[in-house]
């Protein structure tokens, strides 16, 4: 629960990250803004 607790207490934007592998030796990081206002979310929802 640490990541959510920290984001909620400081209302720190959260970005989700995924790593894809187009081919061997090459990677693509896909970033998605998950929540801009974590403090507004109910506990556990993030």
ModelCIF file with pLDDT and N, C-alpha, C, O atoms, coordinates in Angstrom:
data_MODEL
#
_entry.id   MODEL 
#
_entity.id                         1 
_entity.type                       polymer 
_entity.pdbx_number_of_molecules   1 
#
_entity_poly.entity_id                      1 
_entity_poly.type                           'polypeptide(L)' 
_entity_poly.nstd_linkage                   no 
_entity_poly.nstd_monomer                   no 
_entity_poly.pdbx_seq_one_letter_code       
;(UNK)(UNK)(UNK)(UNK)(UNK)(UNK)(UNK)(UNK)(UNK)(UNK)(UNK)(UNK)(UNK)(UNK)(UNK)(UNK)
(UNK)(UNK)(UNK)(UNK)(UNK)(UNK)(UNK)(UNK)(UNK)(UNK)(UNK)(UNK)(UNK)(UNK)(UNK)(UNK)
(UNK)(UNK)(UNK)(UNK)(UNK)(UNK)(UNK)(UNK)(UNK)(UNK)(UNK)(UNK)(UNK)(UNK)
;
_entity_poly.pdbx_seq_one_letter_code_can   XXXXXXXXXXXXXXXXXXXXXXXXXXXXXXXXXXXXXXXXXXXXXX 
_entity_poly.pdbx_strand_id                 A 
#
loop_
_entity_poly_seq.entity_id 
_entity_poly_seq.num 
_entity_poly_seq.mon_id 
_entity_poly_seq.hetero 
1 1  UNK n 
1 2  UNK n 
1 3  UNK n 
1 4  UNK n 
1 5  UNK n 
1 6  UNK n 
1 7  UNK n 
1 8  UNK n 
1 9  UNK n 
1 10 UNK n 
1 11 UNK n 
1 12 UNK n 
1 13 UNK n 
1 14 UNK n 
1 15 UNK n 
1 16 UNK n 
1 17 UNK n 
1 18 UNK n 
1 19 UNK n 
1 20 UNK n 
1 21 UNK n 
1 22 UNK n 
1 23 UNK n 
1 24 UNK n 
1 25 UNK n 
1 26 UNK n 
1 27 UNK n 
1 28 UNK n 
1 29 UNK n 
1 30 UNK n 
1 31 UNK n 
1 32 UNK n 
1 33 UNK n 
1 34 UNK n 
1 35 UNK n 
1 36 UNK n 
1 37 UNK n 
1 38 UNK n 
1 39 UNK n 
1 40 UNK n 
1 41 UNK n 
1 42 UNK n 
1 43 UNK n 
1 44 UNK n 
1 45 UNK n 
1 46 UNK n 
#
_struct_asym.id          A 
_struct_asym.entity_id   1 
#
loop_
_ma_qa_metric.id 
_ma_qa_metric.mode 
_ma_qa_metric.name 
_ma_qa_metric.software_group_id 
_ma_qa_metric.type 
1 global pLDDT . pLDDT 
2 local  pLDDT . pLDDT 
#
_ma_qa_metric_global.metric_id      1 
_ma_qa_metric_global.metric_value   96.91 
_ma_qa_metric_global.model_id       1 
_ma_qa_metric_global.ordinal_id     1 
#
loop_
_ma_qa_metric_local.label_asym_id 
_ma_qa_metric_local.label_comp_id 
_ma_qa_metric_local.label_seq_id 
_ma_qa_metric_local.metric_id 
_ma_qa_metric_local.metric_value 
_ma_qa_metric_local.model_id 
_ma_qa_metric_local.ordinal_id 
A UNK 1  2 95.00 1 1  
A UNK 2  2 93.00 1 2  
A UNK 3  2 95.00 1 3  
A UNK 4  2 97.00 1 4  
A UNK 5  2 95.00 1 5  
A UNK 6  2 93.00 1 6  
A UNK 7  2 96.00 1 7  
A UNK 8  2 96.00 1 8  
A UNK 9  2 94.00 1 9  
A UNK 10 2 94.00 1 10 
A UNK 11 2 97.00 1 11 
A UNK 12 2 97.00 1 12 
A UNK 13 2 98.00 1 13 
A UNK 14 2 98.00 1 14 
A UNK 15 2 98.00 1 15 
A UNK 16 2 98.00 1 16 
A UNK 17 2 98.00 1 17 
A UNK 18 2 97.00 1 18 
A UNK 19 2 98.00 1 19 
A UNK 20 2 97.00 1 20 
A UNK 21 2 97.00 1 21 
A UNK 22 2 97.00 1 22 
A UNK 23 2 97.00 1 23 
A UNK 24 2 97.00 1 24 
A UNK 25 2 97.00 1 25 
A UNK 26 2 98.00 1 26 
A UNK 27 2 98.00 1 27 
A UNK 28 2 98.00 1 28 
A UNK 29 2 98.00 1 29 
A UNK 30 2 98.00 1 30 
A UNK 31 2 98.00 1 31 
A UNK 32 2 98.00 1 32 
A UNK 33 2 98.00 1 33 
A UNK 34 2 98.00 1 34 
A UNK 35 2 98.00 1 35 
A UNK 36 2 97.00 1 36 
A UNK 37 2 98.00 1 37 
A UNK 38 2 98.00 1 38 
A UNK 39 2 97.00 1 39 
A UNK 40 2 97.00 1 40 
A UNK 41 2 97.00 1 41 
A UNK 42 2 97.00 1 42 
A UNK 43 2 96.00 1 43 
A UNK 44 2 97.00 1 44 
A UNK 45 2 97.00 1 45 
A UNK 46 2 98.00 1 46 
#
loop_
_atom_site.group_PDB 
_atom_site.id 
_atom_site.type_symbol 
_atom_site.label_atom_id 
_atom_site.label_alt_id 
_atom_site.label_comp_id 
_atom_site.label_asym_id 
_atom_site.label_entity_id 
_atom_site.label_seq_id 
_atom_site.pdbx_PDB_ins_code 
_atom_site.Cartn_x 
_atom_site.Cartn_y 
_atom_site.Cartn_z 
_atom_site.occupancy 
_atom_site.B_iso_or_equiv 
_atom_site.pdbx_formal_charge 
_atom_site.auth_seq_id 
_atom_site.auth_comp_id 
_atom_site.auth_asym_id 
_atom_site.auth_atom_id 
_atom_site.pdbx_PDB_model_num 
ATOM 1   N N  . UNK A 1 1  ? 0.811   -1.223 0.000   1.00 95.00 ? 1  UNK A N  1 
ATOM 2   C CA . UNK A 1 1  ? 0.000   0.000  0.000   1.00 95.00 ? 1  UNK A CA 1 
ATOM 3   C C  . UNK A 1 1  ? 0.842   1.270  0.000   1.00 95.00 ? 1  UNK A C  1 
ATOM 4   O O  . UNK A 1 1  ? 0.302   2.373  -0.087  1.00 95.00 ? 1  UNK A O  1 
ATOM 5   N N  . UNK A 1 2  ? 2.178   1.119  0.098   1.00 93.00 ? 2  UNK A N  1 
ATOM 6   C CA . UNK A 1 2  ? 3.053   2.275  0.149   1.00 93.00 ? 2  UNK A CA 1 
ATOM 7   C C  . UNK A 1 2  ? 2.929   3.228  -1.031  1.00 93.00 ? 2  UNK A C  1 
ATOM 8   O O  . UNK A 1 2  ? 2.818   4.437  -0.826  1.00 93.00 ? 2  UNK A O  1 
ATOM 9   N N  . UNK A 1 3  ? 2.946   2.711  -2.286  1.00 95.00 ? 3  UNK A N  1 
ATOM 10  C CA . UNK A 1 3  ? 2.827   3.613  -3.438  1.00 95.00 ? 3  UNK A CA 1 
ATOM 11  C C  . UNK A 1 3  ? 1.567   4.470  -3.394  1.00 95.00 ? 3  UNK A C  1 
ATOM 12  O O  . UNK A 1 3  ? 1.623   5.682  -3.604  1.00 95.00 ? 3  UNK A O  1 
ATOM 13  N N  . UNK A 1 4  ? 0.433   3.835  -3.121  1.00 97.00 ? 4  UNK A N  1 
ATOM 14  C CA . UNK A 1 4  ? -0.811  4.601  -3.064  1.00 97.00 ? 4  UNK A CA 1 
ATOM 15  C C  . UNK A 1 4  ? -0.819  5.574  -1.896  1.00 97.00 ? 4  UNK A C  1 
ATOM 16  O O  . UNK A 1 4  ? -1.252  6.716  -2.045  1.00 97.00 ? 4  UNK A O  1 
ATOM 17  N N  . UNK A 1 5  ? -0.346  5.135  -0.733  1.00 95.00 ? 5  UNK A N  1 
ATOM 18  C CA . UNK A 1 5  ? -0.337  5.993  0.448   1.00 95.00 ? 5  UNK A CA 1 
ATOM 19  C C  . UNK A 1 5  ? 0.473   7.260  0.209   1.00 95.00 ? 5  UNK A C  1 
ATOM 20  O O  . UNK A 1 5  ? 0.056   8.359  0.575   1.00 95.00 ? 5  UNK A O  1 
ATOM 21  N N  . UNK A 1 6  ? 1.656   7.088  -0.421  1.00 93.00 ? 6  UNK A N  1 
ATOM 22  C CA . UNK A 1 6  ? 2.497   8.243  -0.703  1.00 93.00 ? 6  UNK A CA 1 
ATOM 23  C C  . UNK A 1 6  ? 1.853   9.186  -1.708  1.00 93.00 ? 6  UNK A C  1 
ATOM 24  O O  . UNK A 1 6  ? 1.899   10.405 -1.546  1.00 93.00 ? 6  UNK A O  1 
ATOM 25  N N  . UNK A 1 7  ? 1.250   8.613  -2.749  1.00 96.00 ? 7  UNK A N  1 
ATOM 26  C CA . UNK A 1 7  ? 0.594   9.433  -3.777  1.00 96.00 ? 7  UNK A CA 1 
ATOM 27  C C  . UNK A 1 7  ? -0.590  10.183 -3.195  1.00 96.00 ? 7  UNK A C  1 
ATOM 28  O O  . UNK A 1 7  ? -0.811  11.352 -3.510  1.00 96.00 ? 7  UNK A O  1 
ATOM 29  N N  . UNK A 1 8  ? -1.350  9.509  -2.345  1.00 96.00 ? 8  UNK A N  1 
ATOM 30  C CA . UNK A 1 8  ? -2.553  10.104 -1.757  1.00 96.00 ? 8  UNK A CA 1 
ATOM 31  C C  . UNK A 1 8  ? -2.201  11.227 -0.786  1.00 96.00 ? 8  UNK A C  1 
ATOM 32  O O  . UNK A 1 8  ? -2.806  12.299 -0.830  1.00 96.00 ? 8  UNK A O  1 
ATOM 33  N N  . UNK A 1 9  ? -1.229  10.989 0.087   1.00 94.00 ? 9  UNK A N  1 
ATOM 34  C CA . UNK A 1 9  ? -0.893  11.984 1.112   1.00 94.00 ? 9  UNK A CA 1 
ATOM 35  C C  . UNK A 1 9  ? -0.298  13.256 0.515   1.00 94.00 ? 9  UNK A C  1 
ATOM 36  O O  . UNK A 1 9  ? -0.537  14.350 1.027   1.00 94.00 ? 9  UNK A O  1 
ATOM 37  N N  . UNK A 1 10 ? 0.480   13.121 -0.571  1.00 94.00 ? 10 UNK A N  1 
ATOM 38  C CA . UNK A 1 10 ? 1.084   14.286 -1.205  1.00 94.00 ? 10 UNK A CA 1 
ATOM 39  C C  . UNK A 1 10 ? 0.342   14.755 -2.440  1.00 94.00 ? 10 UNK A C  1 
ATOM 40  O O  . UNK A 1 10 ? 0.761   15.708 -3.098  1.00 94.00 ? 10 UNK A O  1 
ATOM 41  N N  . UNK A 1 11 ? -0.784  14.073 -2.765  1.00 97.00 ? 11 UNK A N  1 
ATOM 42  C CA . UNK A 1 11 ? -1.532  14.327 -4.008  1.00 97.00 ? 11 UNK A CA 1 
ATOM 43  C C  . UNK A 1 11 ? -0.575  14.386 -5.201  1.00 97.00 ? 11 UNK A C  1 
ATOM 44  O O  . UNK A 1 11 ? -0.597  15.326 -5.995  1.00 97.00 ? 11 UNK A O  1 
ATOM 45  N N  . UNK A 1 12 ? 0.272   13.344 -5.300  1.00 97.00 ? 12 UNK A N  1 
ATOM 46  C CA . UNK A 1 12 ? 1.312   13.266 -6.333  1.00 97.00 ? 12 UNK A CA 1 
ATOM 47  C C  . UNK A 1 12 ? 0.779   12.496 -7.541  1.00 97.00 ? 12 UNK A C  1 
ATOM 48  O O  . UNK A 1 12 ? 0.330   11.360 -7.390  1.00 97.00 ? 12 UNK A O  1 
ATOM 49  N N  . UNK A 1 13 ? 0.820   13.085 -8.723  1.00 98.00 ? 13 UNK A N  1 
ATOM 50  C CA . UNK A 1 13 ? 0.350   12.384 -9.930  1.00 98.00 ? 13 UNK A CA 1 
ATOM 51  C C  . UNK A 1 13 ? 1.029   11.025 -10.098 1.00 98.00 ? 13 UNK A C  1 
ATOM 52  O O  . UNK A 1 13 ? 2.203   10.857 -9.768  1.00 98.00 ? 13 UNK A O  1 
ATOM 53  N N  . UNK A 1 14 ? 0.279   10.074 -10.610 1.00 98.00 ? 14 UNK A N  1 
ATOM 54  C CA . UNK A 1 14 ? 0.780   8.712  -10.803 1.00 98.00 ? 14 UNK A CA 1 
ATOM 55  C C  . UNK A 1 14 ? 0.739   8.336  -12.278 1.00 98.00 ? 14 UNK A C  1 
ATOM 56  O O  . UNK A 1 14 ? -0.268  8.528  -12.959 1.00 98.00 ? 14 UNK A O  1 
ATOM 57  N N  . UNK A 1 15 ? 1.845   7.802  -12.749 1.00 98.00 ? 15 UNK A N  1 
ATOM 58  C CA . UNK A 1 15 ? 1.961   7.323  -14.119 1.00 98.00 ? 15 UNK A CA 1 
ATOM 59  C C  . UNK A 1 15 ? 2.196   5.817  -14.093 1.00 98.00 ? 15 UNK A C  1 
ATOM 60  O O  . UNK A 1 15 ? 3.076   5.340  -13.377 1.00 98.00 ? 15 UNK A O  1 
ATOM 61  N N  . UNK A 1 16 ? 1.425   5.073  -14.861 1.00 98.00 ? 16 UNK A N  1 
ATOM 62  C CA . UNK A 1 16 ? 1.653   3.641  -14.992 1.00 98.00 ? 16 UNK A CA 1 
ATOM 63  C C  . UNK A 1 16 ? 2.619   3.411  -16.155 1.00 98.00 ? 16 UNK A C  1 
ATOM 64  O O  . UNK A 1 16 ? 2.556   4.102  -17.173 1.00 98.00 ? 16 UNK A O  1 
ATOM 65  N N  . UNK A 1 17 ? 3.507   2.438  -15.993 1.00 98.00 ? 17 UNK A N  1 
ATOM 66  C CA . UNK A 1 17 ? 4.509   2.162  -17.025 1.00 98.00 ? 17 UNK A CA 1 
ATOM 67  C C  . UNK A 1 17 ? 4.485   0.695  -17.425 1.00 98.00 ? 17 UNK A C  1 
ATOM 68  O O  . UNK A 1 17 ? 4.333   -0.200 -16.593 1.00 98.00 ? 17 UNK A O  1 
ATOM 69  N N  . UNK A 1 18 ? 4.637   0.481  -18.717 1.00 97.00 ? 18 UNK A N  1 
ATOM 70  C CA . UNK A 1 18 ? 4.739   -0.865 -19.263 1.00 97.00 ? 18 UNK A CA 1 
ATOM 71  C C  . UNK A 1 18 ? 5.912   -0.889 -20.231 1.00 97.00 ? 18 UNK A C  1 
ATOM 72  O O  . UNK A 1 18 ? 6.215   0.120  -20.868 1.00 97.00 ? 18 UNK A O  1 
ATOM 73  N N  . UNK A 1 19 ? 6.569   -2.029 -20.342 1.00 98.00 ? 19 UNK A N  1 
ATOM 74  C CA . UNK A 1 19 ? 7.709   -2.159 -21.242 1.00 98.00 ? 19 UNK A CA 1 
ATOM 75  C C  . UNK A 1 19 ? 7.392   -3.208 -22.303 1.00 98.00 ? 19 UNK A C  1 
ATOM 76  O O  . UNK A 1 19 ? 7.070   -4.352 -21.982 1.00 98.00 ? 19 UNK A O  1 
ATOM 77  N N  . UNK A 1 20 ? 7.486   -2.808 -23.561 1.00 97.00 ? 20 UNK A N  1 
ATOM 78  C CA . UNK A 1 20 ? 7.261   -3.720 -24.677 1.00 97.00 ? 20 UNK A CA 1 
ATOM 79  C C  . UNK A 1 20 ? 8.594   -4.060 -25.331 1.00 97.00 ? 20 UNK A C  1 
ATOM 80  O O  . UNK A 1 20 ? 9.577   -3.335 -25.177 1.00 97.00 ? 20 UNK A O  1 
ATOM 81  N N  . UNK A 1 21 ? 8.616   -5.175 -26.066 1.00 97.00 ? 21 UNK A N  1 
ATOM 82  C CA . UNK A 1 21 ? 9.838   -5.637 -26.716 1.00 97.00 ? 21 UNK A CA 1 
ATOM 83  C C  . UNK A 1 21 ? 9.561   -5.850 -28.207 1.00 97.00 ? 21 UNK A C  1 
ATOM 84  O O  . UNK A 1 21 ? 9.192   -6.951 -28.617 1.00 97.00 ? 21 UNK A O  1 
ATOM 85  N N  . UNK A 1 22 ? 9.737   -4.795 -29.022 1.00 97.00 ? 22 UNK A N  1 
ATOM 86  C CA . UNK A 1 22 ? 9.477   -4.925 -30.465 1.00 97.00 ? 22 UNK A CA 1 
ATOM 87  C C  . UNK A 1 22 ? 10.318  -6.017 -31.117 1.00 97.00 ? 22 UNK A C  1 
ATOM 88  O O  . UNK A 1 22 ? 9.832   -6.762 -31.968 1.00 97.00 ? 22 UNK A O  1 
ATOM 89  N N  . UNK A 1 23 ? 11.582  -6.103 -30.711 1.00 97.00 ? 23 UNK A N  1 
ATOM 90  C CA . UNK A 1 23 ? 12.465  -7.169 -31.192 1.00 97.00 ? 23 UNK A CA 1 
ATOM 91  C C  . UNK A 1 23 ? 13.609  -7.319 -30.194 1.00 97.00 ? 23 UNK A C  1 
ATOM 92  O O  . UNK A 1 23 ? 13.785  -6.495 -29.297 1.00 97.00 ? 23 UNK A O  1 
ATOM 93  N N  . UNK A 1 24 ? 14.374  -8.377 -30.370 1.00 97.00 ? 24 UNK A N  1 
ATOM 94  C CA . UNK A 1 24 ? 15.430  -8.682 -29.420 1.00 97.00 ? 24 UNK A CA 1 
ATOM 95  C C  . UNK A 1 24 ? 16.431  -7.523 -29.313 1.00 97.00 ? 24 UNK A C  1 
ATOM 96  O O  . UNK A 1 24 ? 16.940  -7.025 -30.317 1.00 97.00 ? 24 UNK A O  1 
ATOM 97  N N  . UNK A 1 25 ? 16.695  -7.113 -28.081 1.00 97.00 ? 25 UNK A N  1 
ATOM 98  C CA . UNK A 1 25 ? 17.656  -6.044 -27.852 1.00 97.00 ? 25 UNK A CA 1 
ATOM 99  C C  . UNK A 1 25 ? 17.081  -4.652 -27.975 1.00 97.00 ? 25 UNK A C  1 
ATOM 100 O O  . UNK A 1 25 ? 17.821  -3.671 -27.912 1.00 97.00 ? 25 UNK A O  1 
ATOM 101 N N  . UNK A 1 26 ? 15.761  -4.545 -28.151 1.00 98.00 ? 26 UNK A N  1 
ATOM 102 C CA . UNK A 1 26 ? 15.102  -3.241 -28.286 1.00 98.00 ? 26 UNK A CA 1 
ATOM 103 C C  . UNK A 1 26 ? 13.828  -3.224 -27.438 1.00 98.00 ? 26 UNK A C  1 
ATOM 104 O O  . UNK A 1 26 ? 13.067  -4.192 -27.417 1.00 98.00 ? 26 UNK A O  1 
ATOM 105 N N  . UNK A 1 27 ? 13.615  -2.114 -26.747 1.00 98.00 ? 27 UNK A N  1 
ATOM 106 C CA . UNK A 1 27 ? 12.465  -1.998 -25.848 1.00 98.00 ? 27 UNK A CA 1 
ATOM 107 C C  . UNK A 1 27 ? 11.752  -0.672 -26.055 1.00 98.00 ? 27 UNK A C  1 
ATOM 108 O O  . UNK A 1 27 ? 12.338  0.311  -26.508 1.00 98.00 ? 27 UNK A O  1 
ATOM 109 N N  . UNK A 1 28 ? 10.478  -0.675 -25.710 1.00 98.00 ? 28 UNK A N  1 
ATOM 110 C CA . UNK A 1 28 ? 9.657   0.532  -25.790 1.00 98.00 ? 28 UNK A CA 1 
ATOM 111 C C  . UNK A 1 28 ? 8.922   0.716  -24.468 1.00 98.00 ? 28 UNK A C  1 
ATOM 112 O O  . UNK A 1 28 ? 8.162   -0.156 -24.046 1.00 98.00 ? 28 UNK A O  1 
ATOM 113 N N  . UNK A 1 29 ? 9.149   1.846  -23.822 1.00 98.00 ? 29 UNK A N  1 
ATOM 114 C CA . UNK A 1 29 ? 8.483   2.155  -22.560 1.00 98.00 ? 29 UNK A CA 1 
ATOM 115 C C  . UNK A 1 29 ? 7.201   2.928  -22.868 1.00 98.00 ? 29 UNK A C  1 
ATOM 116 O O  . UNK A 1 29 ? 7.241   3.980  -23.508 1.00 98.00 ? 29 UNK A O  1 
ATOM 117 N N  . UNK A 1 30 ? 6.074   2.405  -22.413 1.00 98.00 ? 30 UNK A N  1 
ATOM 118 C CA . UNK A 1 30 ? 4.775   3.034  -22.642 1.00 98.00 ? 30 UNK A CA 1 
ATOM 119 C C  . UNK A 1 30 ? 4.278   3.607  -21.318 1.00 98.00 ? 30 UNK A C  1 
ATOM 120 O O  . UNK A 1 30 ? 4.004   2.870  -20.371 1.00 98.00 ? 30 UNK A O  1 
ATOM 121 N N  . UNK A 1 31 ? 4.166   4.927  -21.270 1.00 98.00 ? 31 UNK A N  1 
ATOM 122 C CA . UNK A 1 31 ? 3.749   5.635  -20.060 1.00 98.00 ? 31 UNK A CA 1 
ATOM 123 C C  . UNK A 1 31 ? 2.320   6.129  -20.212 1.00 98.00 ? 31 UNK A C  1 
ATOM 124 O O  . UNK A 1 31 ? 1.948   6.666  -21.256 1.00 98.00 ? 31 UNK A O  1 
ATOM 125 N N  . UNK A 1 32 ? 1.519   5.945  -19.162 1.00 98.00 ? 32 UNK A N  1 
ATOM 126 C CA . UNK A 1 32 ? 0.122   6.373  -19.171 1.00 98.00 ? 32 UNK A CA 1 
ATOM 127 C C  . UNK A 1 32 ? -0.172  7.131  -17.886 1.00 98.00 ? 32 UNK A C  1 
ATOM 128 O O  . UNK A 1 32 ? 0.061   6.610  -16.795 1.00 98.00 ? 32 UNK A O  1 
ATOM 129 N N  . UNK A 1 33 ? -0.677  8.345  -17.999 1.00 98.00 ? 33 UNK A N  1 
ATOM 130 C CA . UNK A 1 33 ? -1.068  9.092  -16.808 1.00 98.00 ? 33 UNK A CA 1 
ATOM 131 C C  . UNK A 1 33 ? -2.277  8.401  -16.198 1.00 98.00 ? 33 UNK A C  1 
ATOM 132 O O  . UNK A 1 33 ? -3.363  8.397  -16.778 1.00 98.00 ? 33 UNK A O  1 
ATOM 133 N N  . UNK A 1 34 ? -2.077  7.818  -15.024 1.00 98.00 ? 34 UNK A N  1 
ATOM 134 C CA . UNK A 1 34 ? -3.137  7.040  -14.385 1.00 98.00 ? 34 UNK A CA 1 
ATOM 135 C C  . UNK A 1 34 ? -4.064  7.912  -13.554 1.00 98.00 ? 34 UNK A C  1 
ATOM 136 O O  . UNK A 1 34 ? -5.279  7.712  -13.550 1.00 98.00 ? 34 UNK A O  1 
ATOM 137 N N  . UNK A 1 35 ? -3.482  8.888  -12.843 1.00 98.00 ? 35 UNK A N  1 
ATOM 138 C CA . UNK A 1 35 ? -4.301  9.755  -11.994 1.00 98.00 ? 35 UNK A CA 1 
ATOM 139 C C  . UNK A 1 35 ? -3.542  11.034 -11.678 1.00 98.00 ? 35 UNK A C  1 
ATOM 140 O O  . UNK A 1 35 ? -2.407  11.001 -11.201 1.00 98.00 ? 35 UNK A O  1 
ATOM 141 N N  . UNK A 1 36 ? -4.184  12.152 -11.952 1.00 97.00 ? 36 UNK A N  1 
ATOM 142 C CA . UNK A 1 36 ? -3.580  13.455 -11.696 1.00 97.00 ? 36 UNK A CA 1 
ATOM 143 C C  . UNK A 1 36 ? -3.867  13.955 -10.285 1.00 97.00 ? 36 UNK A C  1 
ATOM 144 O O  . UNK A 1 36 ? -3.116  14.765 -9.742  1.00 97.00 ? 36 UNK A O  1 
ATOM 145 N N  . UNK A 1 37 ? -4.968  13.465 -9.690  1.00 98.00 ? 37 UNK A N  1 
ATOM 146 C CA . UNK A 1 37 ? -5.373  13.914 -8.355  1.00 98.00 ? 37 UNK A CA 1 
ATOM 147 C C  . UNK A 1 37 ? -5.654  12.703 -7.455  1.00 98.00 ? 37 UNK A C  1 
ATOM 148 O O  . UNK A 1 37 ? -6.812  12.426 -7.143  1.00 98.00 ? 37 UNK A O  1 
ATOM 149 N N  . UNK A 1 38 ? -4.619  11.990 -7.041  1.00 98.00 ? 38 UNK A N  1 
ATOM 150 C CA . UNK A 1 38 ? -4.821  10.774 -6.236  1.00 98.00 ? 38 UNK A CA 1 
ATOM 151 C C  . UNK A 1 38 ? -5.561  11.009 -4.919  1.00 98.00 ? 38 UNK A C  1 
ATOM 152 O O  . UNK A 1 38 ? -6.246  10.117 -4.419  1.00 98.00 ? 38 UNK A O  1 
ATOM 153 N N  . UNK A 1 39 ? -5.421  12.207 -4.360  1.00 97.00 ? 39 UNK A N  1 
ATOM 154 C CA . UNK A 1 39 ? -6.052  12.496 -3.066  1.00 97.00 ? 39 UNK A CA 1 
ATOM 155 C C  . UNK A 1 39 ? -7.575  12.464 -3.147  1.00 97.00 ? 39 UNK A C  1 
ATOM 156 O O  . UNK A 1 39 ? -8.247  12.374 -2.119  1.00 97.00 ? 39 UNK A O  1 
ATOM 157 N N  . UNK A 1 40 ? -8.120  12.537 -4.349  1.00 97.00 ? 40 UNK A N  1 
ATOM 158 C CA . UNK A 1 40 ? -9.578  12.531 -4.505  1.00 97.00 ? 40 UNK A CA 1 
ATOM 159 C C  . UNK A 1 40 ? -10.149 11.120 -4.571  1.00 97.00 ? 40 UNK A C  1 
ATOM 160 O O  . UNK A 1 40 ? -11.367 10.949 -4.523  1.00 97.00 ? 40 UNK A O  1 
ATOM 161 N N  . UNK A 1 41 ? -9.300  10.117 -4.678  1.00 97.00 ? 41 UNK A N  1 
ATOM 162 C CA . UNK A 1 41 ? -9.767  8.738  -4.838  1.00 97.00 ? 41 UNK A CA 1 
ATOM 163 C C  . UNK A 1 41 ? -10.041 8.077  -3.493  1.00 97.00 ? 41 UNK A C  1 
ATOM 164 O O  . UNK A 1 41 ? -9.339  8.351  -2.520  1.00 97.00 ? 41 UNK A O  1 
ATOM 165 N N  . UNK A 1 42 ? -11.058 7.202  -3.421  1.00 97.00 ? 42 UNK A N  1 
ATOM 166 C CA . UNK A 1 42 ? -11.292 6.421  -2.205  1.00 97.00 ? 42 UNK A CA 1 
ATOM 167 C C  . UNK A 1 42 ? -10.106 5.498  -1.934  1.00 97.00 ? 42 UNK A C  1 
ATOM 168 O O  . UNK A 1 42 ? -9.356  5.146  -2.845  1.00 97.00 ? 42 UNK A O  1 
ATOM 169 N N  . UNK A 1 43 ? -9.953  5.121  -0.696  1.00 96.00 ? 43 UNK A N  1 
ATOM 170 C CA . UNK A 1 43 ? -8.845  4.263  -0.285  1.00 96.00 ? 43 UNK A CA 1 
ATOM 171 C C  . UNK A 1 43 ? -8.849  2.945  -1.060  1.00 96.00 ? 43 UNK A C  1 
ATOM 172 O O  . UNK A 1 43 ? -9.867  2.257  -1.142  1.00 96.00 ? 43 UNK A O  1 
ATOM 173 N N  . UNK A 1 44 ? -7.692  2.612  -1.624  1.00 97.00 ? 44 UNK A N  1 
ATOM 174 C CA . UNK A 1 44 ? -7.525  1.349  -2.326  1.00 97.00 ? 44 UNK A CA 1 
ATOM 175 C C  . UNK A 1 44 ? -7.822  1.398  -3.808  1.00 97.00 ? 44 UNK A C  1 
ATOM 176 O O  . UNK A 1 44 ? -7.466  0.469  -4.533  1.00 97.00 ? 44 UNK A O  1 
ATOM 177 N N  . UNK A 1 45 ? -8.470  2.463  -4.284  1.00 97.00 ? 45 UNK A N  1 
ATOM 178 C CA . UNK A 1 45 ? -8.900  2.495  -5.679  1.00 97.00 ? 45 UNK A CA 1 
ATOM 179 C C  . UNK A 1 45 ? -7.738  2.659  -6.661  1.00 97.00 ? 45 UNK A C  1 
ATOM 180 O O  . UNK A 1 45 ? -7.775  2.121  -7.768  1.00 97.00 ? 45 UNK A O  1 
ATOM 181 N N  . UNK A 1 46 ? -6.711  3.399  -6.254  1.00 98.00 ? 46 UNK A N  1 
ATOM 182 C CA . UNK A 1 46 ? -5.552  3.553  -7.133  1.00 98.00 ? 46 UNK A CA 1 
ATOM 183 C C  . UNK A 1 46 ? -4.826  2.221  -7.298  1.00 98.00 ? 46 UNK A C  1 
ATOM 184 O O  . UNK A 1 46 ? -3.820  2.149  -8.005  1.00 98.00 ? 46 UNK A O  1 
#
